């Protein structure tokens, strides 16, 4: 499946909803895991502002990639963000969208709060 790198260098990104465990199957409660590492997957909703537009993106990230306190409104950096188009059939209807995945979601609040050395 095609993966498209997303440039976040000119964007402002803040937490819109704190990290949540990603479920593979909502009926059974089975937790989604990374196919390569086996790490538990989380979703973090972020406000992504760039080019005079703002969107809320739901980003999937392995649990070890979440660093710092990620409360609502916390500025964050998204490391290795990719967009992946998807399409499936659900009850006879075609559905499609874009899934976002990052290697890490890192709080920038802690870095901003630390005093700079003289």
Protein backbone atom coordinates (compact mmCIF):
# COMPACT_ATOMS: atom_id res chain seq x y z
CA UNK A 1 0.00 0.00 0.00
CA UNK A 2 1.26 3.46 -0.85
CA UNK A 3 2.69 5.56 1.98
CA UNK A 4 3.03 9.32 1.54
CA UNK A 5 5.44 11.24 3.83
CA UNK A 6 3.86 14.33 5.41
CA UNK A 7 6.01 17.44 5.94
CA UNK A 8 5.16 18.98 9.31
CA UNK A 9 7.93 21.60 9.39
CA UNK A 10 5.62 24.54 8.57
CA UNK A 11 2.66 23.27 10.64
CA UNK A 12 1.48 23.97 14.15
CA UNK A 13 0.43 20.72 15.81
CA UNK A 14 -1.34 20.43 19.17
CA UNK A 15 -3.08 17.61 21.02
CA UNK A 16 -6.86 17.70 20.50
CA UNK A 17 -7.61 14.49 22.43
CA UNK A 18 -5.29 12.57 24.75
CA UNK A 19 -3.84 9.23 23.57
CA UNK A 20 -6.29 6.34 23.50
CA UNK A 21 -5.67 2.61 23.06
CA UNK A 22 -6.42 1.56 19.47
CA UNK A 23 -8.74 -1.43 19.22
CA UNK A 24 -8.40 -4.01 16.48
CA UNK A 25 -11.91 -5.31 17.14
CA UNK A 26 -14.41 -3.22 19.10
CA UNK A 27 -16.72 -6.18 19.70
CA UNK A 28 -14.08 -8.29 21.42
CA UNK A 29 -11.94 -5.46 22.84
CA UNK A 30 -8.83 -6.85 21.12
CA UNK A 31 -6.04 -4.25 21.20
CA UNK A 32 -4.24 -3.39 17.94
CA UNK A 33 -0.50 -4.06 17.88
CA UNK A 34 2.34 -3.09 15.56
CA UNK A 35 2.98 -5.91 13.08
CA UNK A 36 6.77 -5.50 13.27
CA UNK A 37 7.42 -4.84 16.96
CA UNK A 38 4.29 -6.14 18.71
CA UNK A 39 3.97 -2.81 20.56
CA UNK A 40 0.50 -1.67 21.58
CA UNK A 41 -0.90 0.95 19.18
CA UNK A 42 -2.40 4.21 20.38
CA UNK A 43 -4.35 6.94 18.61
CA UNK A 44 -3.78 10.62 19.29
CA UNK A 45 -6.11 13.23 17.80
CA UNK A 46 -4.15 16.36 16.88
CA UNK A 47 -5.02 19.80 15.55
CA UNK A 48 -2.91 20.24 12.42
CA UNK A 49 -2.72 23.88 11.27
CA UNK A 50 -0.90 24.78 8.05
CA UNK A 51 -1.49 27.02 5.03
CA UNK A 52 -4.34 28.91 6.76
CA UNK A 53 -6.29 25.66 7.27
CA UNK A 54 -6.91 23.61 10.40
CA UNK A 55 -7.84 19.94 10.53
CA UNK A 56 -8.21 17.35 13.26
CA UNK A 57 -6.18 14.25 12.40
CA UNK A 58 -6.32 10.94 14.20
CA UNK A 59 -2.75 9.62 14.24
CA UNK A 60 -1.78 6.04 15.08
CA UNK A 61 1.49 5.68 16.97
CA UNK A 62 3.16 2.79 18.84
CA UNK A 63 2.90 3.26 22.62
CA UNK A 64 6.71 3.59 23.11
CA UNK A 65 6.64 6.54 20.66
CA UNK A 66 4.50 8.69 22.95
CA UNK A 67 6.70 10.95 25.04
CA UNK A 68 5.94 13.61 27.58
CA UNK A 69 2.64 14.73 29.05
CA UNK A 70 0.12 14.91 26.20
CA UNK A 71 -2.79 16.88 27.63
CA UNK A 72 -5.28 18.70 25.41
CA UNK A 73 -3.63 21.78 23.86
CA UNK A 74 -0.06 20.52 24.30
CA UNK A 75 2.14 21.49 21.33
CA UNK A 76 3.72 18.36 19.81
CA UNK A 77 6.09 17.22 17.09
CA UNK A 78 5.08 14.31 14.86
CA UNK A 79 8.10 12.20 13.90
CA UNK A 80 7.93 10.16 10.71
CA UNK A 81 4.32 11.10 9.86
CA UNK A 82 2.92 9.30 6.82
CA UNK A 83 -0.48 9.31 5.13
CA UNK A 84 -1.85 6.05 3.77
CA UNK A 85 -4.96 6.00 1.53
CA UNK A 86 -7.35 3.13 2.26
CA UNK A 87 -10.51 1.64 0.80
CA UNK A 88 -12.77 -1.23 1.86
CA UNK A 89 -16.25 -2.67 1.50
CA UNK A 90 -18.48 -2.51 4.57
CA UNK A 91 -21.98 -4.00 4.36
CA UNK A 92 -21.91 -3.66 0.58
CA UNK A 93 -20.80 -0.03 0.61
CA UNK A 94 -17.39 1.18 -0.52
CA UNK A 95 -15.65 3.34 2.05
CA UNK A 96 -12.37 5.20 1.71
CA UNK A 97 -10.18 7.64 3.55
CA UNK A 98 -6.67 8.48 4.67
CA UNK A 99 -5.00 6.88 7.69
CA UNK A 100 -2.18 8.75 9.45
CA UNK A 101 0.67 7.01 11.23
CA UNK A 102 3.70 8.42 13.07
CA UNK A 103 6.77 6.88 14.61
CA UNK A 104 6.45 9.22 17.60
CA UNK A 105 4.39 12.04 19.12
CA UNK A 106 6.66 14.19 21.25
CA UNK A 107 5.55 16.91 23.65
CA UNK A 108 7.15 20.28 22.95
CA UNK A 109 5.82 21.80 26.20
CA UNK A 110 8.62 20.36 28.31
CA UNK A 111 11.32 21.72 25.97
CA UNK A 112 9.71 25.17 26.02
CA UNK A 113 9.48 25.16 29.83
CA UNK A 114 13.18 24.38 30.37
CA UNK A 115 15.35 27.47 30.88
CA UNK A 116 18.04 27.97 28.24
CA UNK A 117 21.66 27.79 29.35
CA UNK A 118 23.58 31.08 29.19
